[in-house]
């Protein structure tokens, strides 16, 4: 009888441990979560342009980023210059983004820890020529609630700028664990 009890207790313990390891997601603040930003234009992107994503992490949907990059002090900014992706921090420091690509779509993956592990972000995208002139923007910023939305995509009207390599058509944000 005692051997049977020990065997049942052992099996129950194994089931509990395997259920926790396989079935539960880590709590929100744990390491390993990332966010991937993708920017697509009407034609393949031009490395002489600067493609920028402003990321507001203050949690207030009423204070999202404007269309003017001059107003982006204190925000995180992902930008592709000469085809290379960088993350500018609110402190003014910059960090090279290793997981990035540039071609038909610009893509960059950033650790949520690098953004201060926010619960939500407000996102605005701007395309500039090499001289800092804005060629195209999203019509307005959009919000991603990171705990609940794993993928958010925002379309932009095509043809609102003459240069198809600067004409935003789609921006997406994907959260991964």
Foldseek 3Di string as FASTA:
>chain_A
DVVVVVVVVVVVVVVVVVCVVPPDDDDLPDWDKKKKKKWAFLFFADLQKKKKKWKDQPPDPVDADDQAPVPRQQTWMWMRHSFWIWIQHNVRDIDGFPPWGGIRMTMGMDTCVSVVSGQKIKMKMFMGGNVRHTFDIAPGIDMDRQVPDQKDKDAGDAPPGPDRNRGTGMMMMGMDD
